[in-house]
Every structure is written in C-alpha cells, then in structure tokens.
Amino acid sequence: MEIQTHIKTRDEILKEFSDAYDARFFKTLGEPVRIQILSYLMKNGRSDIASITENMPQDRSVVSRHLNQMQEVGMLCCEKETRHMYYSINAQAFIDKLEKFLTQIKKSISVCCPPDCCSK
C-alpha cells in the first residue's frame, strides 16, 4: 500500500498565512490607549471601567469604546455583576491568536525566504 503525502505549495502556505492574519485584532493592538488598557489589566487584573478610567487620561466614554472594541476582537472578557461591568484579559484566546499567526509566519518564511536570501 502506497502512502501519499501532500507537500504544500508556496501558494497554499501563503494562503494559510493570509487566513491566520486577523486585521481587526492587530489594528486593535496598534492603538496606544489600548496598549495602556492592556498594561493596566496585566498589572491590576480584573477591573471595572471606573477603576480603569481613573488611571487613563481619556474620558470614560472613550475608554468604554476602546474596551468594547477589545472585547469584540476577543482580547478581553467582560462580566456583569450587579450594575458593574468587569473586564479582564482573555489570556488564552490572546495567546492562541498570536501563536497561530507566528506559526504561519515561520512556515511562510521557511518556504519563501531562504536563510541566506539577505546575505547576497
């Protein structure tokens, strides 16, 4: 019995690379205020909007808009307790998204950019 293995073409690998890229996720990371919010949550853990806003120069409405966008792309989890919304980093989803993209970068580079391509 013959076992056939499929060797991926350069186009297939580049398609996987494109599929792994989540433009909304990375665009969300590109905003300095959102990086400040992530830093705050990393340092302080689960927090409500009042606590987060207290440590930001932006108005509550601006911080709220950023938190909502971060939640929409899967960076944050949000839980409601009584009248308060608490935000925390969705750590596993965040890590999975970055690792998937990094894996695809490594695959693409190994096929498309040989190690000695820049030394010539």
C-alpha atoms as a PDB file:
ATOM      1  CA  MET A   1       0.000   0.000   0.000  1.00  0.00           C
ATOM      2  CA  GLU A   2       1.413   3.367  -1.023  1.00  0.00           C
ATOM      3  CA  ILE A   3       1.120   6.284   1.372  1.00  0.00           C
ATOM      4  CA  GLN A   4       0.763   9.605  -0.337  1.00  0.00           C
ATOM      5  CA  THR A   5       1.850  12.756   1.405  1.00  0.00           C
ATOM      6  CA  HIS A   6       0.799  16.140   0.272  1.00  0.00           C
ATOM      7  CA  ILE A   7       3.562  18.709   0.203  1.00  0.00           C
ATOM      8  CA  LYS A   8       2.058  22.163   0.424  1.00  0.00           C
ATOM      9  CA  THR A   9       2.767  24.573  -2.350  1.00  0.00           C
ATOM     10  CA  ARG A  10       4.047  28.068  -1.768  1.00  0.00           C
ATOM     11  CA  ASP A  11       0.580  29.414  -2.682  1.00  0.00           C
ATOM     12  CA  GLU A  12      -1.116  27.150  -0.122  1.00  0.00           C
ATOM     13  CA  ILE A  13       1.289  28.245   2.592  1.00  0.00           C
ATOM     14  CA  LEU A  14       0.803  31.915   1.747  1.00  0.00           C
ATOM     15  CA  LYS A  15      -2.980  31.420   1.766  1.00  0.00           C
ATOM     16  CA  GLU A  16      -2.724  29.939   5.277  1.00  0.00           C
ATOM     17  CA  PHE A  17      -0.602  32.947   6.263  1.00  0.00           C
ATOM     18  CA  SER A  18      -3.275  35.335   4.971  1.00  0.00           C
ATOM     19  CA  ASP A  19      -6.017  33.368   6.715  1.00  0.00           C
ATOM     20  CA  ALA A  20      -4.153  33.497  10.036  1.00  0.00           C
ATOM     21  CA  TYR A  21      -3.842  37.288   9.869  1.00  0.00           C
ATOM     22  CA  ASP A  22      -6.700  38.942  11.724  1.00  0.00           C
ATOM     23  CA  ALA A  23      -6.562  42.581  10.626  1.00  0.00           C
ATOM     24  CA  ARG A  24      -9.069  43.780  13.248  1.00  0.00           C
ATOM     25  CA  PHE A  25      -7.124  42.112  16.053  1.00  0.00           C
ATOM     26  CA  PHE A  26      -3.789  43.610  15.018  1.00  0.00           C
ATOM     27  CA  LYS A  27      -5.311  47.006  14.271  1.00  0.00           C
ATOM     28  CA  THR A  28      -6.732  46.966  17.788  1.00  0.00           C
ATOM     29  CA  LEU A  29      -3.232  46.344  19.141  1.00  0.00           C
ATOM     30  CA  GLY A  30      -1.946  49.332  17.169  1.00  0.00           C
ATOM     31  CA  GLU A  31      -3.723  51.920  19.305  1.00  0.00           C
ATOM     32  CA  PRO A  32      -1.590  53.261  22.214  1.00  0.00           C
ATOM     33  CA  VAL A  33      -4.618  53.708  24.511  1.00  0.00           C
ATOM     34  CA  ARG A  34      -5.480  50.035  24.116  1.00  0.00           C
ATOM     35  CA  ILE A  35      -1.924  49.068  24.993  1.00  0.00           C
ATOM     36  CA  GLN A  36      -2.289  51.223  28.134  1.00  0.00           C
ATOM     37  CA  ILE A  37      -5.524  49.402  28.966  1.00  0.00           C
ATOM     38  CA  LEU A  38      -3.854  46.009  28.459  1.00  0.00           C
ATOM     39  CA  SER A  39      -0.944  47.098  30.646  1.00  0.00           C
ATOM     40  CA  TYR A  40      -3.333  48.267  33.354  1.00  0.00           C
ATOM     41  CA  LEU A  41      -5.235  44.957  33.279  1.00  0.00           C
ATOM     42  CA  MET A  42      -1.996  42.953  33.316  1.00  0.00           C
ATOM     43  CA  LYS A  43      -0.840  44.855  36.368  1.00  0.00           C
ATOM     44  CA  ASN A  44      -4.157  45.039  38.243  1.00  0.00           C
ATOM     45  CA  GLY A  45      -6.193  42.118  36.967  1.00  0.00           C
ATOM     46  CA  ARG A  46      -9.954  42.112  36.553  1.00  0.00           C
ATOM     47  CA  SER A  47     -11.243  45.677  36.831  1.00  0.00           C
ATOM     48  CA  ASP A  48     -14.349  47.744  36.245  1.00  0.00           C
ATOM     49  CA  ILE A  49     -14.459  50.709  33.914  1.00  0.00           C
ATOM     50  CA  ALA A  50     -14.321  53.230  36.772  1.00  0.00           C
ATOM     51  CA  SER A  51     -11.003  51.804  38.001  1.00  0.00           C
ATOM     52  CA  ILE A  52      -9.571  51.651  34.503  1.00  0.00           C
ATOM     53  CA  THR A  53     -10.694  55.184  33.608  1.00  0.00           C
ATOM     54  CA  GLU A  54      -9.291  56.544  36.853  1.00  0.00           C
ATOM     55  CA  ASN A  55      -5.826  55.637  35.549  1.00  0.00           C
ATOM     56  CA  MET A  56      -6.247  56.929  31.987  1.00  0.00           C
ATOM     57  CA  PRO A  57      -6.128  60.470  30.626  1.00  0.00           C
ATOM     58  CA  GLN A  58      -9.136  59.770  28.370  1.00  0.00           C
ATOM     59  CA  ASP A  59     -12.793  60.288  29.228  1.00  0.00           C
ATOM     60  CA  ARG A  60     -14.869  57.339  30.382  1.00  0.00           C
ATOM     61  CA  SER A  61     -16.769  57.236  27.058  1.00  0.00           C
ATOM     62  CA  VAL A  62     -13.501  56.943  25.105  1.00  0.00           C
ATOM     63  CA  VAL A  63     -12.191  54.192  27.387  1.00  0.00           C
ATOM     64  CA  SER A  64     -15.533  52.398  27.119  1.00  0.00           C
ATOM     65  CA  ARG A  65     -15.367  52.473  23.328  1.00  0.00           C
ATOM     66  CA  HIS A  66     -11.830  51.016  23.411  1.00  0.00           C
ATOM     67  CA  LEU A  67     -12.882  48.304  25.868  1.00  0.00           C
ATOM     68  CA  ASN A  68     -15.799  47.333  23.644  1.00  0.00           C
ATOM     69  CA  GLN A  69     -13.587  47.052  20.587  1.00  0.00           C
ATOM     70  CA  MET A  70     -11.048  44.980  22.517  1.00  0.00           C
ATOM     71  CA  GLN A  71     -13.835  42.676  23.665  1.00  0.00           C
ATOM     72  CA  GLU A  72     -15.210  42.351  20.104  1.00  0.00           C
ATOM     73  CA  VAL A  73     -11.874  41.052  18.767  1.00  0.00           C
ATOM     74  CA  GLY A  74     -11.510  38.612  21.668  1.00  0.00           C
ATOM     75  CA  MET A  75      -8.752  40.330  23.662  1.00  0.00           C
ATOM     76  CA  LEU A  76     -10.922  40.906  26.701  1.00  0.00           C
ATOM     77  CA  CYS A  77     -13.623  39.128  28.631  1.00  0.00           C
ATOM     78  CA  CYS A  78     -16.425  41.129  30.152  1.00  0.00           C
ATOM     79  CA  GLU A  79     -18.642  40.073  33.043  1.00  0.00           C
ATOM     80  CA  LYS A  80     -21.557  41.950  34.515  1.00  0.00           C
ATOM     81  CA  GLU A  81     -22.038  41.925  38.274  1.00  0.00           C
ATOM     82  CA  THR A  82     -24.958  43.930  39.561  1.00  0.00           C
ATOM     83  CA  ARG A  83     -24.590  47.280  37.760  1.00  0.00           C
ATOM     84  CA  HIS A  84     -20.859  46.960  37.088  1.00  0.00           C
ATOM     85  CA  MET A  85     -19.018  45.577  34.071  1.00  0.00           C
ATOM     86  CA  TYR A  86     -15.691  43.923  34.850  1.00  0.00           C
ATOM     87  CA  TYR A  87     -13.000  43.465  32.219  1.00  0.00           C
ATOM     88  CA  SER A  88     -10.106  41.035  32.147  1.00  0.00           C
ATOM     89  CA  ILE A  89      -7.659  39.845  29.521  1.00  0.00           C
ATOM     90  CA  ASN A  90      -8.850  36.807  27.598  1.00  0.00           C
ATOM     91  CA  ALA A  91      -5.389  35.325  28.003  1.00  0.00           C
ATOM     92  CA  GLN A  92      -5.743  32.004  26.197  1.00  0.00           C
ATOM     93  CA  ALA A  93      -7.553  33.471  23.188  1.00  0.00           C
ATOM     94  CA  PHE A  94      -4.974  36.278  23.010  1.00  0.00           C
ATOM     95  CA  ILE A  95      -2.055  33.843  23.132  1.00  0.00           C
ATOM     96  CA  ASP A  96      -3.687  31.441  20.656  1.00  0.00           C
ATOM     97  CA  LYS A  97      -4.234  34.244  18.121  1.00  0.00           C
ATOM     98  CA  LEU A  98      -0.604  35.397  18.352  1.00  0.00           C
ATOM     99  CA  GLU A  99       0.827  31.868  18.290  1.00  0.00           C
ATOM    100  CA  LYS A 100      -1.258  30.906  15.246  1.00  0.00           C
ATOM    101  CA  PHE A 101      -0.015  33.944  13.367  1.00  0.00           C
ATOM    102  CA  LEU A 102       3.608  33.373  14.445  1.00  0.00           C
ATOM    103  CA  THR A 103       3.411  29.737  13.327  1.00  0.00           C
ATOM    104  CA  GLN A 104       2.198  30.842   9.902  1.00  0.00           C
ATOM    105  CA  ILE A 105       4.944  33.465   9.662  1.00  0.00           C
ATOM    106  CA  LYS A 106       7.559  30.791  10.400  1.00  0.00           C
ATOM    107  CA  LYS A 107       6.102  28.428   7.788  1.00  0.00           C
ATOM    108  CA  SER A 108       5.886  31.157   5.173  1.00  0.00           C
ATOM    109  CA  ILE A 109       9.398  32.429   5.773  1.00  0.00           C
ATOM    110  CA  SER A 110      10.892  28.949   5.616  1.00  0.00           C
ATOM    111  CA  VAL A 111       9.371  28.467   2.158  1.00  0.00           C
ATOM    112  CA  CYS A 112       9.518  31.967   0.725  1.00  0.00           C
ATOM    113  CA  CYS A 113      12.663  33.437   2.262  1.00  0.00           C
ATOM    114  CA  PRO A 114      15.613  31.034   2.386  1.00  0.00           C
ATOM    115  CA  PRO A 115      18.023  31.644   5.275  1.00  0.00           C
ATOM    116  CA  ASP A 116      20.714  33.064   3.029  1.00  0.00           C
ATOM    117  CA  CYS A 117      18.411  35.369   0.984  1.00  0.00           C
ATOM    118  CA  CYS A 118      19.692  38.568   2.622  1.00  0.00           C
ATOM    119  CA  SER A 119      23.380  37.715   2.627  1.00  0.00           C
ATOM    120  CA  LYS A 120      23.821  38.092  -1.121  1.00  0.00           C
END
